[in-house]
Amino acid sequence: MGLLWTILIGFLVGTIAKVLVPGKDSGGFIVTTLLGVGGSWVGGWLAGLIGMSPRVGFIGSVIGAVVILLIYRWLKNK
């Protein structure tokens, strides 16, 4: 059941990140879910860097996913 929640929340976080960052993105369900799951990890890592608890929650996950998406687009355009 934990894996199912990870996939569901990851997809939701990835979808919100794609809506917040304008532009066309390729990738379907799997890429969006991986973006959300990776965003959770990056959000926790960034929170730890600034001295916060690594358990950042939903907003921190979305921020992490947005960071990943912006870095991906920056590298793609280079």
Protein backbone atom coordinates (compact mmCIF):
# COMPACT_ATOMS: atom_id res chain seq x y z
CA MET A 1 0.00 0.00 0.00
CA GLY A 2 2.93 2.37 0.66
CA LEU A 3 4.18 2.00 -2.93
CA LEU A 4 0.72 2.81 -4.28
CA TRP A 5 0.59 6.01 -2.18
CA THR A 6 4.10 6.95 -3.34
CA ILE A 7 3.02 6.60 -6.98
CA LEU A 8 -0.22 8.49 -6.45
CA ILE A 9 1.31 11.39 -4.52
CA GLY A 10 4.31 11.46 -6.89
CA PHE A 11 1.98 11.80 -9.87
CA LEU A 12 0.02 14.56 -8.14
CA VAL A 13 3.19 16.49 -7.20
CA GLY A 14 4.63 16.06 -10.72
CA THR A 15 1.40 17.27 -12.31
CA ILE A 16 1.29 20.38 -10.10
CA ALA A 17 4.95 21.13 -10.90
CA LYS A 18 4.24 20.86 -14.65
CA VAL A 19 1.28 23.24 -14.28
CA LEU A 20 3.32 25.77 -12.27
CA VAL A 21 6.21 25.86 -14.76
CA PRO A 22 4.89 27.03 -18.13
CA GLY A 23 6.03 25.36 -21.31
CA LYS A 24 5.65 22.12 -23.20
CA ASP A 25 6.93 18.97 -21.57
CA SER A 26 7.11 15.54 -23.04
CA GLY A 27 6.48 12.51 -20.94
CA GLY A 28 3.41 10.78 -19.70
CA PHE A 29 2.34 9.19 -16.45
CA ILE A 30 5.66 7.53 -15.63
CA VAL A 31 7.81 10.62 -16.24
CA THR A 32 5.40 12.82 -14.29
CA THR A 33 5.38 10.35 -11.39
CA LEU A 34 9.18 10.12 -11.35
CA LEU A 35 9.33 13.92 -11.38
CA GLY A 36 7.09 14.05 -8.31
CA VAL A 37 8.96 11.33 -6.42
CA GLY A 38 12.30 12.96 -7.25
CA GLY A 39 10.86 16.30 -6.20
CA SER A 40 10.08 14.88 -2.78
CA TRP A 41 13.67 13.77 -2.40
CA VAL A 42 15.10 17.09 -3.63
CA GLY A 43 12.70 19.07 -1.44
CA GLY A 44 13.84 17.13 1.63
CA TRP A 45 17.48 17.55 0.68
CA LEU A 46 17.10 21.32 0.18
CA ALA A 47 15.26 21.65 3.50
CA GLY A 48 18.10 19.82 5.23
CA LEU A 49 20.63 22.19 3.68
CA ILE A 50 18.96 25.23 5.19
CA GLY A 51 18.54 23.60 8.59
CA MET A 52 14.89 22.56 8.39
CA SER A 53 13.50 19.10 8.98
CA PRO A 54 13.91 16.92 5.89
CA ARG A 55 10.25 15.92 6.25
CA VAL A 56 9.01 18.87 4.19
CA GLY A 57 5.61 17.59 3.17
CA PHE A 58 3.59 18.29 0.08
CA ILE A 59 4.66 21.90 -0.55
CA GLY A 60 8.33 21.01 -0.21
CA SER A 61 7.82 18.15 -2.66
CA VAL A 62 6.27 20.49 -5.21
CA ILE A 63 9.12 22.97 -4.77
CA GLY A 64 11.63 20.15 -5.30
CA ALA A 65 9.81 18.98 -8.43
CA VAL A 66 9.80 22.52 -9.82
CA VAL A 67 13.55 22.75 -9.20
CA ILE A 68 14.11 19.45 -11.06
CA LEU A 69 11.92 20.60 -13.94
CA LEU A 70 13.74 23.94 -14.25
CA ILE A 71 17.16 22.25 -14.18
CA TYR A 72 16.00 19.73 -16.80
CA ARG A 73 14.78 22.50 -19.12
CA TRP A 74 17.97 24.50 -18.59
CA LEU A 75 20.14 21.49 -19.49
CA LYS A 76 17.92 20.61 -22.45
CA ASN A 77 18.26 24.12 -23.91
CA LYS A 78 22.06 24.22 -23.53
